[in-house]
Amino acid sequence: MTKAPATFLPLGTSDDVFTAQKGTLRCTAIRLASGGLCLYSPVLGLDAAAWQSLRAFGQVTHLLAPNHYHNKGLAACSATFPDAKLCCTLAAMPRLEQQTGLSFEPLDTAAIALPAQASFLEPDGLKTGEIWVQMITADGTLWIVTDAFCGPKRAPGTVVQTPDMPGTFPKFGIKDRAVYQAWIASQPSLDRLTTIVPCHGAVISGPDLGPAALQLVEDL
């Protein structure tokens, strides 16, 4: 049986977040204050059907590489959206430019104006230049993350209650576990965390995500 093409759909817990899944990888579109869209972790292999579905929500103005490993979809997405600005953290920029041959702007000069209820989080203690997006919703706090957390392999649209961590993340993502753990524990929104939108696997949503996420780090 032919699989349905990947399409962008509203997340459900936020009017400004839309996601599409290609296999187990997720690309997340965030509506900016300007009305444009930022693609968080552009995914290789999204086709015309996916981009057509995205047009209903806005115009892509920014392509965000959320760490220095998530780079395989950047060239194709940049060709599809030639006017979109490529951006990343300063920590991720050297390897991204070396691996892709593309030029990136820092987040602060790329004019990424998130909606009022959203902000960037750059975790301490990591070595990949990972950046998250935090959004305050009516249901609690939402984190859009890259490799720090993941969900199980499930069909698009599936939501689970328990977060996990990619097996490669402790070795390739964490520079100083104690610093990273302290940073996670210090986040004011941790107790109100209700949704994690990972780049890998199913979306995670539930009432005890903050303690569960922290426990994963403490158990390393």
C-alpha atoms as a PDB file:
ATOM      1  CA  MET A   1       0.000   0.000   0.000  1.00  0.00           C
ATOM      2  CA  THR A   2       1.335   3.447  -0.942  1.00  0.00           C
ATOM      3  CA  LYS A   3       2.134   5.674   2.015  1.00  0.00           C
ATOM      4  CA  ALA A   4       0.389   9.031   2.207  1.00  0.00           C
ATOM      5  CA  PRO A   5       2.743  11.950   1.445  1.00  0.00           C
ATOM      6  CA  ALA A   6       4.052  13.979   4.355  1.00  0.00           C
ATOM      7  CA  THR A   7       1.999  17.100   5.024  1.00  0.00           C
ATOM      8  CA  PHE A   8       2.207  19.916   7.547  1.00  0.00           C
ATOM      9  CA  LEU A   9      -0.578  19.898  10.111  1.00  0.00           C
ATOM     10  CA  PRO A  10      -1.300  22.146  13.118  1.00  0.00           C
ATOM     11  CA  LEU A  11       0.167  20.753  16.310  1.00  0.00           C
ATOM     12  CA  GLY A  12      -3.090  21.237  18.192  1.00  0.00           C
ATOM     13  CA  THR A  13      -1.708  22.784  21.385  1.00  0.00           C
ATOM     14  CA  SER A  14      -0.539  25.959  19.623  1.00  0.00           C
ATOM     15  CA  ASP A  15      -1.946  27.980  16.722  1.00  0.00           C
ATOM     16  CA  ASP A  16       1.617  28.899  15.677  1.00  0.00           C
ATOM     17  CA  VAL A  17       3.201  25.444  15.347  1.00  0.00           C
ATOM     18  CA  PHE A  18       2.836  23.011  12.431  1.00  0.00           C
ATOM     19  CA  THR A  19       4.702  19.747  11.888  1.00  0.00           C
ATOM     20  CA  ALA A  20       5.389  17.261   9.109  1.00  0.00           C
ATOM     21  CA  GLN A  21       6.995  13.857   9.540  1.00  0.00           C
ATOM     22  CA  LYS A  22       9.213  12.056   7.010  1.00  0.00           C
ATOM     23  CA  GLY A  23       9.806   8.588   8.365  1.00  0.00           C
ATOM     24  CA  THR A  24      10.791   9.154  11.992  1.00  0.00           C
ATOM     25  CA  LEU A  25      12.152  12.682  11.386  1.00  0.00           C
ATOM     26  CA  ARG A  26      10.055  15.773  12.065  1.00  0.00           C
ATOM     27  CA  CYS A  27      10.245  19.248  10.580  1.00  0.00           C
ATOM     28  CA  THR A  28       8.474  21.905  12.620  1.00  0.00           C
ATOM     29  CA  ALA A  29       7.221  25.209  11.228  1.00  0.00           C
ATOM     30  CA  ILE A  30       6.844  28.100  13.658  1.00  0.00           C
ATOM     31  CA  ARG A  31       4.808  31.167  12.737  1.00  0.00           C
ATOM     32  CA  LEU A  32       6.859  34.286  13.501  1.00  0.00           C
ATOM     33  CA  ALA A  33       5.650  37.666  14.705  1.00  0.00           C
ATOM     34  CA  SER A  34       5.960  38.889  11.100  1.00  0.00           C
ATOM     35  CA  GLY A  35       3.529  36.227   9.906  1.00  0.00           C
ATOM     36  CA  GLY A  36       6.324  34.349   8.117  1.00  0.00           C
ATOM     37  CA  LEU A  37       7.380  30.823   8.975  1.00  0.00           C
ATOM     38  CA  CYS A  38      10.627  29.473  10.391  1.00  0.00           C
ATOM     39  CA  LEU A  39      11.406  25.855   9.552  1.00  0.00           C
ATOM     40  CA  TYR A  40      13.032  24.244  12.579  1.00  0.00           C
ATOM     41  CA  SER A  41      15.224  21.377  11.350  1.00  0.00           C
ATOM     42  CA  PRO A  42      14.442  21.234   7.612  1.00  0.00           C
ATOM     43  CA  VAL A  43      14.125  17.569   6.695  1.00  0.00           C
ATOM     44  CA  LEU A  44      15.532  15.941   3.564  1.00  0.00           C
ATOM     45  CA  GLY A  45      12.907  14.332   1.323  1.00  0.00           C
ATOM     46  CA  LEU A  46       9.880  16.516   1.978  1.00  0.00           C
ATOM     47  CA  ASP A  47       8.249  16.935  -1.414  1.00  0.00           C
ATOM     48  CA  ALA A  48       5.920  19.312  -3.253  1.00  0.00           C
ATOM     49  CA  ALA A  49       2.883  17.979  -1.380  1.00  0.00           C
ATOM     50  CA  ALA A  50       4.444  18.933   1.952  1.00  0.00           C
ATOM     51  CA  TRP A  51       5.361  22.432   0.773  1.00  0.00           C
ATOM     52  CA  GLN A  52       1.915  22.921  -0.751  1.00  0.00           C
ATOM     53  CA  SER A  53       0.301  22.042   2.577  1.00  0.00           C
ATOM     54  CA  LEU A  54       2.577  24.529   4.334  1.00  0.00           C
ATOM     55  CA  ARG A  55       1.517  27.455   2.131  1.00  0.00           C
ATOM     56  CA  ALA A  56      -1.848  27.525   3.895  1.00  0.00           C
ATOM     57  CA  PHE A  57      -0.070  28.666   7.083  1.00  0.00           C
ATOM     58  CA  GLY A  58       2.324  31.287   5.724  1.00  0.00           C
ATOM     59  CA  GLN A  59       5.487  31.956   3.740  1.00  0.00           C
ATOM     60  CA  VAL A  60       8.815  30.399   4.738  1.00  0.00           C
ATOM     61  CA  THR A  61      11.222  33.219   5.633  1.00  0.00           C
ATOM     62  CA  HIS A  62      13.794  31.395   7.795  1.00  0.00           C
ATOM     63  CA  LEU A  63      15.501  27.991   7.812  1.00  0.00           C
ATOM     64  CA  LEU A  64      16.873  27.137  11.250  1.00  0.00           C
ATOM     65  CA  ALA A  65      19.521  24.451  11.677  1.00  0.00           C
ATOM     66  CA  PRO A  66      18.857  23.544  15.339  1.00  0.00           C
ATOM     67  CA  ASN A  67      22.272  21.963  15.921  1.00  0.00           C
ATOM     68  CA  HIS A  68      25.325  21.128  13.835  1.00  0.00           C
ATOM     69  CA  TYR A  69      24.214  17.561  13.037  1.00  0.00           C
ATOM     70  CA  HIS A  70      20.794  18.394  11.546  1.00  0.00           C
ATOM     71  CA  ASN A  71      22.059  19.665   8.207  1.00  0.00           C
ATOM     72  CA  LYS A  72      21.109  17.167   5.482  1.00  0.00           C
ATOM     73  CA  GLY A  73      17.890  18.911   4.442  1.00  0.00           C
ATOM     74  CA  LEU A  74      19.278  22.443   4.360  1.00  0.00           C
ATOM     75  CA  ALA A  75      20.538  22.587   0.769  1.00  0.00           C
ATOM     76  CA  ALA A  76      17.302  21.245  -0.737  1.00  0.00           C
ATOM     77  CA  CYS A  77      15.124  23.486   1.427  1.00  0.00           C
ATOM     78  CA  SER A  78      17.285  26.497   0.626  1.00  0.00           C
ATOM     79  CA  ALA A  79      16.803  25.762  -3.077  1.00  0.00           C
ATOM     80  CA  THR A  80      13.046  25.474  -2.530  1.00  0.00           C
ATOM     81  CA  PHE A  81      12.915  28.716  -0.528  1.00  0.00           C
ATOM     82  CA  PRO A  82      15.785  30.794  -1.980  1.00  0.00           C
ATOM     83  CA  ASP A  83      14.736  33.974  -0.167  1.00  0.00           C
ATOM     84  CA  ALA A  84      14.675  32.335   3.264  1.00  0.00           C
ATOM     85  CA  LYS A  85      17.515  33.189   5.651  1.00  0.00           C
ATOM     86  CA  LEU A  86      19.679  30.332   6.872  1.00  0.00           C
ATOM     87  CA  CYS A  87      20.421  30.654  10.585  1.00  0.00           C
ATOM     88  CA  CYS A  88      21.844  28.797  13.567  1.00  0.00           C
ATOM     89  CA  THR A  89      23.598  29.367  16.877  1.00  0.00           C
ATOM     90  CA  LEU A  90      27.158  30.665  16.913  1.00  0.00           C
ATOM     91  CA  ALA A  91      28.306  27.377  18.437  1.00  0.00           C
ATOM     92  CA  ALA A  92      26.831  25.341  15.571  1.00  0.00           C
ATOM     93  CA  MET A  93      27.963  27.646  12.758  1.00  0.00           C
ATOM     94  CA  PRO A  94      31.559  26.457  12.079  1.00  0.00           C
ATOM     95  CA  ARG A  95      30.693  22.800  11.530  1.00  0.00           C
ATOM     96  CA  LEU A  96      27.484  23.608   9.655  1.00  0.00           C
ATOM     97  CA  GLU A  97      29.309  25.826   7.179  1.00  0.00           C
ATOM     98  CA  GLN A  98      32.083  23.248   6.781  1.00  0.00           C
ATOM     99  CA  GLN A  99      29.651  20.375   6.224  1.00  0.00           C
ATOM    100  CA  THR A 100      27.201  22.153   3.910  1.00  0.00           C
ATOM    101  CA  GLY A 101      29.171  24.864   2.132  1.00  0.00           C
ATOM    102  CA  LEU A 102      26.309  27.227   2.979  1.00  0.00           C
ATOM    103  CA  SER A 103      26.477  30.563   4.816  1.00  0.00           C
ATOM    104  CA  PHE A 104      24.506  31.106   8.007  1.00  0.00           C
ATOM    105  CA  GLU A 105      23.440  34.102  10.046  1.00  0.00           C
ATOM    106  CA  PRO A 106      23.370  34.150  13.854  1.00  0.00           C
ATOM    107  CA  LEU A 107      19.899  34.035  15.342  1.00  0.00           C
ATOM    108  CA  ASP A 108      20.051  37.612  16.599  1.00  0.00           C
ATOM    109  CA  THR A 109      20.924  39.079  13.199  1.00  0.00           C
ATOM    110  CA  ALA A 110      18.642  36.821  11.144  1.00  0.00           C
ATOM    111  CA  ALA A 111      15.633  38.835  12.302  1.00  0.00           C
ATOM    112  CA  ILE A 112      13.838  35.830  13.757  1.00  0.00           C
ATOM    113  CA  ALA A 113      11.126  37.498  15.799  1.00  0.00           C
ATOM    114  CA  LEU A 114       9.256  34.715  17.562  1.00  0.00           C
ATOM    115  CA  PRO A 115       5.638  35.299  18.584  1.00  0.00           C
ATOM    116  CA  ALA A 116       5.150  36.966  21.957  1.00  0.00           C
ATOM    117  CA  GLN A 117       4.528  33.692  23.773  1.00  0.00           C
ATOM    118  CA  ALA A 118       7.713  32.057  22.471  1.00  0.00           C
ATOM    119  CA  SER A 119      11.443  32.302  23.179  1.00  0.00           C
ATOM    120  CA  PHE A 120      14.697  30.541  22.343  1.00  0.00           C
ATOM    121  CA  LEU A 121      16.456  28.321  24.871  1.00  0.00           C
ATOM    122  CA  GLU A 122      20.133  27.460  24.345  1.00  0.00           C
ATOM    123  CA  PRO A 123      20.997  24.673  26.811  1.00  0.00           C
ATOM    124  CA  ASP A 124      24.249  24.858  28.743  1.00  0.00           C
ATOM    125  CA  GLY A 125      26.554  21.844  28.830  1.00  0.00           C
ATOM    126  CA  LEU A 126      26.018  20.656  25.236  1.00  0.00           C
ATOM    127  CA  LYS A 127      28.550  20.547  22.380  1.00  0.00           C
ATOM    128  CA  THR A 128      26.366  20.639  19.249  1.00  0.00           C
ATOM    129  CA  GLY A 129      25.069  24.212  19.379  1.00  0.00           C
ATOM    130  CA  GLU A 130      21.550  22.949  19.984  1.00  0.00           C
ATOM    131  CA  ILE A 131      18.768  25.512  20.249  1.00  0.00           C
ATOM    132  CA  TRP A 132      15.216  24.887  21.489  1.00  0.00           C
ATOM    133  CA  VAL A 133      12.026  26.889  21.141  1.00  0.00           C
ATOM    134  CA  GLN A 134       9.841  27.354  24.204  1.00  0.00           C
ATOM    135  CA  MET A 135       6.191  28.355  23.833  1.00  0.00           C
ATOM    136  CA  ILE A 136       3.680  29.201  26.524  1.00  0.00           C
ATOM    137  CA  THR A 137       0.272  27.759  25.625  1.00  0.00           C
ATOM    138  CA  ALA A 138      -3.119  27.571  27.311  1.00  0.00           C
ATOM    139  CA  ASP A 139      -2.252  24.018  28.416  1.00  0.00           C
ATOM    140  CA  GLY A 140       1.235  24.746  29.789  1.00  0.00           C
ATOM    141  CA  THR A 141       4.731  24.980  28.346  1.00  0.00           C
ATOM    142  CA  LEU A 142       5.834  23.451  25.050  1.00  0.00           C
ATOM    143  CA  TRP A 143       9.440  22.685  24.096  1.00  0.00           C
ATOM    144  CA  ILE A 144      10.547  22.112  20.509  1.00  0.00           C
ATOM    145  CA  VAL A 145      13.838  20.199  20.768  1.00  0.00           C
ATOM    146  CA  THR A 146      16.341  18.534  18.451  1.00  0.00           C
ATOM    147  CA  ASP A 147      18.307  15.569  19.822  1.00  0.00           C
ATOM    148  CA  ALA A 148      17.972  16.115  23.579  1.00  0.00           C
ATOM    149  CA  PHE A 149      14.728  14.124  23.813  1.00  0.00           C
ATOM    150  CA  CYS A 150      12.800  11.855  21.497  1.00  0.00           C
ATOM    151  CA  GLY A 151       9.604   9.881  21.209  1.00  0.00           C
ATOM    152  CA  PRO A 152       9.167   6.285  20.032  1.00  0.00           C
ATOM    153  CA  LYS A 153       8.850   5.458  16.336  1.00  0.00           C
ATOM    154  CA  ARG A 154       5.163   5.918  15.590  1.00  0.00           C
ATOM    155  CA  ALA A 155       2.899   6.910  12.709  1.00  0.00           C
ATOM    156  CA  PRO A 156       2.531  10.655  12.006  1.00  0.00           C
ATOM    157  CA  GLY A 157       0.067  12.282  14.369  1.00  0.00           C
ATOM    158  CA  THR A 158       0.733   9.860  17.217  1.00  0.00           C
ATOM    159  CA  VAL A 159       1.117  11.393  20.685  1.00  0.00           C
ATOM    160  CA  VAL A 160       2.701   9.514  23.597  1.00  0.00           C
ATOM    161  CA  GLN A 161       3.082  10.366  27.279  1.00  0.00           C
ATOM    162  CA  THR A 162       6.633   9.301  28.125  1.00  0.00           C
ATOM    163  CA  PRO A 163       9.799  11.005  26.823  1.00  0.00           C
ATOM    164  CA  ASP A 164      12.964   9.170  25.910  1.00  0.00           C
ATOM    165  CA  MET A 165      16.498  10.173  24.945  1.00  0.00           C
ATOM    166  CA  PRO A 166      18.312   9.134  21.746  1.00  0.00           C
ATOM    167  CA  GLY A 167      21.004   6.600  22.566  1.00  0.00           C
ATOM    168  CA  THR A 168      23.675   8.658  20.809  1.00  0.00           C
ATOM    169  CA  PHE A 169      22.898  11.914  22.625  1.00  0.00           C
ATOM    170  CA  PRO A 170      24.954  11.383  25.820  1.00  0.00           C
ATOM    171  CA  LYS A 171      28.129  10.719  23.804  1.00  0.00           C
ATOM    172  CA  PHE A 172      27.703  13.060  20.861  1.00  0.00           C
ATOM    173  CA  GLY A 173      25.474  15.770  22.335  1.00  0.00           C
ATOM    174  CA  ILE A 174      26.553  16.352  25.937  1.00  0.00           C
ATOM    175  CA  LYS A 175      29.796  18.086  26.833  1.00  0.00           C
ATOM    176  CA  ASP A 176      29.289  18.377  30.611  1.00  0.00           C
ATOM    177  CA  ARG A 177      26.472  16.314  32.127  1.00  0.00           C
ATOM    178  CA  ALA A 178      26.483  18.145  35.474  1.00  0.00           C
ATOM    179  CA  VAL A 179      26.206  21.549  33.790  1.00  0.00           C
ATOM    180  CA  TYR A 180      23.443  20.324  31.493  1.00  0.00           C
ATOM    181  CA  GLN A 181      21.535  18.744  34.385  1.00  0.00           C
ATOM    182  CA  ALA A 182      21.794  21.932  36.424  1.00  0.00           C
ATOM    183  CA  TRP A 183      20.555  23.981  33.472  1.00  0.00           C
ATOM    184  CA  ILE A 184      17.533  21.704  32.937  1.00  0.00           C
ATOM    185  CA  ALA A 185      16.708  21.769  36.651  1.00  0.00           C
ATOM    186  CA  SER A 186      16.896  25.582  36.736  1.00  0.00           C
ATOM    187  CA  GLN A 187      14.327  26.173  33.998  1.00  0.00           C
ATOM    188  CA  PRO A 188      11.336  28.030  35.489  1.00  0.00           C
ATOM    189  CA  SER A 189       8.996  26.356  33.011  1.00  0.00           C
ATOM    190  CA  LEU A 190       9.992  22.792  33.941  1.00  0.00           C
ATOM    191  CA  ASP A 191       7.083  22.254  36.337  1.00  0.00           C
ATOM    192  CA  ARG A 192       4.628  23.462  33.684  1.00  0.00           C
ATOM    193  CA  LEU A 193       6.065  21.423  30.814  1.00  0.00           C
ATOM    194  CA  THR A 194       3.209  19.596  29.072  1.00  0.00           C
ATOM    195  CA  THR A 195       4.454  19.001  25.503  1.00  0.00           C
ATOM    196  CA  ILE A 196       7.783  18.105  23.880  1.00  0.00           C
ATOM    197  CA  VAL A 197       7.979  18.270  20.089  1.00  0.00           C
ATOM    198  CA  PRO A 198      11.145  16.335  19.158  1.00  0.00           C
ATOM    199  CA  CYS A 199      12.844  16.011  15.785  1.00  0.00           C
ATOM    200  CA  HIS A 200      12.904  12.229  16.287  1.00  0.00           C
ATOM    201  CA  GLY A 201       9.810  10.126  16.914  1.00  0.00           C
ATOM    202  CA  ALA A 202       6.367  10.865  18.267  1.00  0.00           C
ATOM    203  CA  VAL A 203       5.260  14.049  20.015  1.00  0.00           C
ATOM    204  CA  ILE A 204       5.186  13.670  23.807  1.00  0.00           C
ATOM    205  CA  SER A 205       2.393  15.235  25.855  1.00  0.00           C
ATOM    206  CA  GLY A 206       1.346  14.712  29.452  1.00  0.00           C
ATOM    207  CA  PRO A 207       1.135  16.280  32.914  1.00  0.00           C
ATOM    208  CA  ASP A 208       4.484  15.083  34.329  1.00  0.00           C
ATOM    209  CA  LEU A 209       6.893  15.765  31.489  1.00  0.00           C
ATOM    210  CA  GLY A 210       9.139  18.118  33.471  1.00  0.00           C
ATOM    211  CA  PRO A 211      10.095  15.607  36.175  1.00  0.00           C
ATOM    212  CA  ALA A 212      10.350  12.831  33.571  1.00  0.00           C
ATOM    213  CA  ALA A 213      12.668  14.880  31.352  1.00  0.00           C
ATOM    214  CA  LEU A 214      14.880  15.809  34.293  1.00  0.00           C
ATOM    215  CA  GLN A 215      14.991  12.186  35.467  1.00  0.00           C
ATOM    216  CA  LEU A 216      16.309  11.079  32.072  1.00  0.00           C
ATOM    217  CA  VAL A 217      19.244  13.449  32.474  1.00  0.00           C
ATOM    218  CA  GLU A 218      19.849  12.519  36.103  1.00  0.00           C
ATOM    219  CA  ASP A 219      19.928   8.836  35.176  1.00  0.00           C
ATOM    220  CA  LEU A 220      22.811   9.257  32.697  1.00  0.00           C
END
